[in-house]
């Protein structure tokens, strides 16, 4: 057996037993164990790790643990102040799949134009399959789900409040430049397209029809949307979440 020391930084300590938080601890490793294997054996999902130092040098997940190794593990957003830092591979796209407990987060992200698959009957196997076959990032509050080998990229959503959850995901994946508010169906996730006002006359309430000129239709389910007062409320809410006076949100397309 091999003995190495592990130290986790920042929010990664939330996944550890209290006695192991904020300190370097020795651990016995099976022969041939990789850094990734040991990190997850200690309770930290690989998706929450941004970078690793082994004996002061950047390392990948696949590096075998050697006797006496000093392993430091850093979360996303950590500043190491060192050129030796080797970030792990980022996701290729900003497409997501959310677990059954994050329906409100999925709806909020869709409202901002982000591609998020969601159904309240998705099981762990469904989420892992969609992540693997469609190159999606898994959003969940289930630590064990993120340890599944099929899942390359994911995010453990620490917050329970809807605004805090949305802020975490926006910042973690730097989504601000990708936002296209009210361009995606809130129910089925498909893009919206503009539709002639006369074509929806009998599909929307008379007062809404009289008050608005621009309408949008879901390309999949046919639902009709228009820019009511909720649009301006969302713009103000997002500006607050991003810590800016003006969120700079483009119009829906």
Protein backbone atom coordinates (compact mmCIF):
# COMPACT_ATOMS: atom_id res chain seq x y z
CA UNK A 1 0.00 0.00 0.00
CA UNK A 2 1.07 3.60 -0.66
CA UNK A 3 0.76 6.51 1.77
CA UNK A 4 0.36 10.06 0.45
CA UNK A 5 -0.92 13.31 1.93
CA UNK A 6 -3.92 15.17 0.55
CA UNK A 7 -5.00 18.76 1.13
CA UNK A 8 -8.19 20.24 -0.31
CA UNK A 9 -8.79 23.95 -0.71
CA UNK A 10 -11.77 26.25 -0.62
CA UNK A 11 -15.26 24.88 -1.05
CA UNK A 12 -13.94 21.36 -1.70
CA UNK A 13 -13.69 21.03 2.07
CA UNK A 14 -17.48 20.87 2.21
CA UNK A 15 -17.29 17.33 0.85
CA UNK A 16 -14.85 16.11 3.51
CA UNK A 17 -15.34 14.74 6.99
CA UNK A 18 -15.01 17.60 9.51
CA UNK A 19 -11.72 16.28 10.91
CA UNK A 20 -10.12 16.47 7.45
CA UNK A 21 -11.15 19.99 6.48
CA UNK A 22 -8.56 22.70 5.99
CA UNK A 23 -5.55 20.53 6.73
CA UNK A 24 -3.11 18.11 5.10
CA UNK A 25 -4.02 14.52 5.94
CA UNK A 26 -2.20 11.26 5.22
CA UNK A 27 -4.15 8.56 3.42
CA UNK A 28 -3.36 5.00 2.44
CA UNK A 29 -3.82 4.35 -1.29
CA UNK A 30 -4.29 1.04 -3.11
CA UNK A 31 -1.44 0.00 -5.42
CA UNK A 32 -1.65 1.82 -8.75
CA UNK A 33 -4.38 4.22 -7.57
CA UNK A 34 -4.66 7.39 -9.63
CA UNK A 35 -5.05 10.87 -8.22
CA UNK A 36 -8.66 10.90 -9.50
CA UNK A 37 -9.44 7.61 -7.76
CA UNK A 38 -8.17 8.92 -4.44
CA UNK A 39 -9.86 12.32 -4.70
CA UNK A 40 -13.24 10.65 -5.24
CA UNK A 41 -12.57 7.98 -2.61
CA UNK A 42 -12.21 10.84 -0.14
CA UNK A 43 -15.63 12.19 -1.15
CA UNK A 44 -14.84 14.96 -3.63
CA UNK A 45 -16.42 14.64 -7.11
CA UNK A 46 -13.91 15.11 -9.92
CA UNK A 47 -16.24 17.65 -11.56
CA UNK A 48 -15.60 20.08 -8.70
CA UNK A 49 -11.82 20.05 -9.18
CA UNK A 50 -10.16 22.71 -11.32
CA UNK A 51 -6.49 21.89 -10.78
CA UNK A 52 -4.10 19.63 -8.91
CA UNK A 53 -0.55 20.04 -7.64
CA UNK A 54 1.51 16.98 -6.76
CA UNK A 55 4.74 17.82 -4.94
CA UNK A 56 4.29 21.40 -6.14
CA UNK A 57 3.89 20.60 -9.84
CA UNK A 58 0.73 20.56 -11.93
CA UNK A 59 -0.77 17.11 -12.41
CA UNK A 60 -3.61 15.41 -14.26
CA UNK A 61 -6.26 13.09 -12.83
CA UNK A 62 -4.57 10.07 -14.38
CA UNK A 63 -1.28 10.49 -12.50
CA UNK A 64 -0.55 7.45 -10.29
CA UNK A 65 -0.06 8.23 -6.61
CA UNK A 66 3.48 7.47 -5.45
CA UNK A 67 4.71 6.95 -1.87
CA UNK A 68 5.19 10.24 -0.06
CA UNK A 69 3.35 12.35 -2.64
CA UNK A 70 1.94 15.67 -1.43
CA UNK A 71 -1.32 16.24 -3.30
CA UNK A 72 -3.14 19.60 -3.25
CA UNK A 73 -6.55 19.89 -4.86
CA UNK A 74 -8.15 23.21 -5.86
CA UNK A 75 -11.75 24.15 -6.73
CA UNK A 76 -12.95 26.17 -9.69
CA UNK A 77 -12.13 29.84 -9.33
CA UNK A 78 -9.13 29.28 -7.06
CA UNK A 79 -6.11 31.50 -7.69
CA UNK A 80 -2.89 29.62 -7.08
CA UNK A 81 -0.55 32.47 -7.87
CA UNK A 82 1.74 30.00 -9.60
CA UNK A 83 2.63 29.21 -13.22
CA UNK A 84 2.73 25.53 -12.23
CA UNK A 85 -1.05 25.45 -12.09
CA UNK A 86 -2.51 23.06 -14.71
CA UNK A 87 -6.28 23.54 -15.15
CA UNK A 88 -8.20 20.43 -16.09
CA UNK A 89 -9.97 20.23 -19.45
CA UNK A 90 -12.93 22.64 -19.64
CA UNK A 91 -16.25 21.61 -21.23
CA UNK A 92 -16.57 21.99 -25.00
CA UNK A 93 -19.97 23.65 -24.80
CA UNK A 94 -22.33 25.33 -22.36
CA UNK A 95 -25.15 22.81 -22.66
CA UNK A 96 -26.59 21.33 -19.50
CA UNK A 97 -28.82 18.61 -18.09
CA UNK A 98 -30.38 19.16 -14.67
CA UNK A 99 -31.52 16.55 -12.18
CA UNK A 100 -35.07 16.21 -10.89
CA UNK A 101 -34.46 18.50 -7.89
CA UNK A 102 -33.38 21.52 -9.95
CA UNK A 103 -36.48 22.31 -11.99
CA UNK A 104 -36.55 25.98 -11.03
CA UNK A 105 -32.88 26.41 -11.90
CA UNK A 106 -33.46 24.74 -15.27
CA UNK A 107 -36.38 27.09 -15.99
CA UNK A 108 -34.36 30.16 -14.98
CA UNK A 109 -31.47 29.15 -17.24
CA UNK A 110 -33.85 28.51 -20.14
CA UNK A 111 -35.36 31.94 -19.56
CA UNK A 112 -31.88 33.33 -20.21
CA UNK A 113 -31.50 31.33 -23.40
CA UNK A 114 -29.27 28.54 -22.05
CA UNK A 115 -29.80 25.01 -23.39
CA UNK A 116 -30.88 22.87 -20.40
CA UNK A 117 -32.51 19.46 -20.59
CA UNK A 118 -34.80 18.72 -17.66
CA UNK A 119 -37.48 16.22 -16.73
CA UNK A 120 -38.60 15.39 -13.23
CA UNK A 121 -38.42 11.67 -14.00
CA UNK A 122 -34.77 11.58 -15.12
CA UNK A 123 -32.88 8.88 -13.23
CA UNK A 124 -29.15 8.85 -12.62
CA UNK A 125 -28.60 6.56 -15.62
CA UNK A 126 -30.55 8.98 -17.87
CA UNK A 127 -28.49 11.94 -16.69
CA UNK A 128 -25.20 10.10 -17.18
CA UNK A 129 -26.24 8.94 -20.66
CA UNK A 130 -27.26 12.42 -21.78
CA UNK A 131 -24.05 13.89 -20.39
CA UNK A 132 -21.96 11.34 -22.30
CA UNK A 133 -23.83 11.22 -25.61
CA UNK A 134 -24.65 14.93 -25.93
CA UNK A 135 -21.58 16.43 -24.22
CA UNK A 136 -23.70 18.07 -21.54
CA UNK A 137 -22.73 19.40 -18.13
CA UNK A 138 -24.67 17.79 -15.27
CA UNK A 139 -26.25 20.11 -12.69
CA UNK A 140 -27.10 18.33 -9.45
CA UNK A 141 -27.05 18.33 -5.65
CA UNK A 142 -26.21 14.60 -5.64
CA UNK A 143 -22.51 14.09 -4.97
CA UNK A 144 -22.60 10.40 -5.86
CA UNK A 145 -24.05 11.13 -9.30
CA UNK A 146 -21.06 13.30 -10.20
CA UNK A 147 -18.65 10.46 -9.41
CA UNK A 148 -20.08 8.27 -12.20
CA UNK A 149 -17.39 7.58 -14.78
CA UNK A 150 -19.62 8.56 -17.74
CA UNK A 151 -19.84 12.14 -16.46
CA UNK A 152 -16.87 14.28 -17.48
CA UNK A 153 -18.24 17.71 -16.56
CA UNK A 154 -20.74 18.66 -13.90
CA UNK A 155 -21.52 21.08 -11.13
CA UNK A 156 -22.55 20.37 -7.59
CA UNK A 157 -25.07 23.13 -6.83
CA UNK A 158 -24.30 24.10 -3.24
CA UNK A 159 -26.99 26.74 -2.84
CA UNK A 160 -30.64 26.01 -2.08
CA UNK A 161 -32.13 29.41 -3.00
CA UNK A 162 -33.03 29.94 -6.67
CA UNK A 163 -31.10 33.21 -7.09
CA UNK A 164 -27.98 31.80 -5.44
CA UNK A 165 -28.15 28.67 -7.60
CA UNK A 166 -28.46 30.73 -10.75
CA UNK A 167 -25.58 33.01 -9.74
CA UNK A 168 -23.33 30.00 -9.02
CA UNK A 169 -23.90 28.45 -12.45
CA UNK A 170 -23.60 31.75 -14.34
CA UNK A 171 -20.24 32.52 -12.73
CA UNK A 172 -18.84 29.01 -12.67
CA UNK A 173 -19.27 28.60 -16.45
CA UNK A 174 -18.87 32.28 -17.44
CA UNK A 175 -22.26 32.31 -19.13
CA UNK A 176 -22.84 36.08 -19.27
CA UNK A 177 -21.58 36.46 -22.88
CA UNK A 178 -23.84 33.58 -24.00
CA UNK A 179 -27.12 34.84 -22.60
CA UNK A 180 -29.99 35.37 -25.04
CA UNK A 181 -32.95 36.04 -22.76
CA UNK A 182 -36.40 34.84 -23.77
CA UNK A 183 -35.11 33.05 -26.87
CA UNK A 184 -35.90 29.51 -25.66
CA UNK A 185 -39.10 27.72 -24.65
CA UNK A 186 -39.41 27.42 -20.89
CA UNK A 187 -41.27 24.11 -21.19
CA UNK A 188 -39.49 22.10 -23.88
CA UNK A 189 -36.15 23.96 -24.22
CA UNK A 190 -36.37 24.48 -28.00
CA UNK A 191 -35.47 27.86 -29.59
CA UNK A 192 -38.19 30.41 -30.24
CA UNK A 193 -38.83 32.19 -33.52
CA UNK A 194 -40.66 35.39 -34.32
CA UNK A 195 -44.20 34.99 -35.57
CA UNK A 196 -46.55 37.44 -37.25
CA UNK A 197 -48.80 39.22 -34.78
CA UNK A 198 -51.93 38.40 -36.77
CA UNK A 199 -51.11 34.69 -36.64
CA UNK A 200 -51.44 34.55 -32.85
CA UNK A 201 -54.54 36.70 -32.46
CA UNK A 202 -56.61 33.81 -31.13
CA UNK A 203 -53.81 32.21 -29.07
CA UNK A 204 -53.11 34.99 -26.57
CA UNK A 205 -55.31 36.92 -24.13
CA UNK A 206 -56.95 39.97 -25.75
CA UNK A 207 -55.25 42.43 -23.38
CA UNK A 208 -51.81 40.98 -24.11
CA UNK A 209 -52.51 40.99 -27.84
CA UNK A 210 -53.51 44.65 -27.70
CA UNK A 211 -50.51 45.66 -25.57
CA UNK A 212 -47.71 43.99 -27.55
CA UNK A 213 -46.41 43.99 -31.09
CA UNK A 214 -43.79 41.25 -30.94
CA UNK A 215 -44.62 37.60 -30.40
CA UNK A 216 -42.55 34.41 -30.45
CA UNK A 217 -43.45 30.78 -31.06
CA UNK A 218 -41.72 27.61 -29.89
CA UNK A 219 -40.49 25.65 -32.88
CA UNK A 220 -41.35 22.38 -31.15
CA UNK A 221 -44.48 22.65 -29.01
CA UNK A 222 -46.10 25.73 -30.57
CA UNK A 223 -46.39 27.74 -27.35
CA UNK A 224 -46.55 31.50 -27.88
CA UNK A 225 -44.54 34.04 -25.85
CA UNK A 226 -44.47 37.81 -25.65
CA UNK A 227 -42.39 40.34 -23.73
CA UNK A 228 -44.46 41.27 -20.70
CA UNK A 229 -43.39 43.01 -17.49
CA UNK A 230 -41.49 39.86 -16.46
CA UNK A 231 -38.83 40.69 -19.06
CA UNK A 232 -37.74 43.88 -17.35
CA UNK A 233 -37.90 42.19 -13.94
CA UNK A 234 -35.55 39.46 -15.16
CA UNK A 235 -33.15 42.03 -16.60
CA UNK A 236 -32.93 43.79 -13.24
CA UNK A 237 -32.60 40.49 -11.40
CA UNK A 238 -29.78 39.31 -13.63
CA UNK A 239 -27.93 42.61 -13.34
CA UNK A 240 -28.02 42.15 -9.57
CA UNK A 241 -26.84 38.54 -9.77
CA UNK A 242 -23.92 39.42 -12.01
CA UNK A 243 -22.94 42.35 -9.81
CA UNK A 244 -23.42 44.90 -12.57
CA UNK A 245 -25.58 47.98 -12.95
CA UNK A 246 -26.45 46.93 -16.51
CA UNK A 247 -26.49 43.26 -17.41
CA UNK A 248 -26.18 44.16 -21.07
CA UNK A 249 -28.74 41.57 -22.10
CA UNK A 250 -29.50 41.38 -25.81
CA UNK A 251 -33.08 41.32 -27.01
CA UNK A 252 -34.74 38.00 -27.72
CA UNK A 253 -34.36 36.79 -31.29
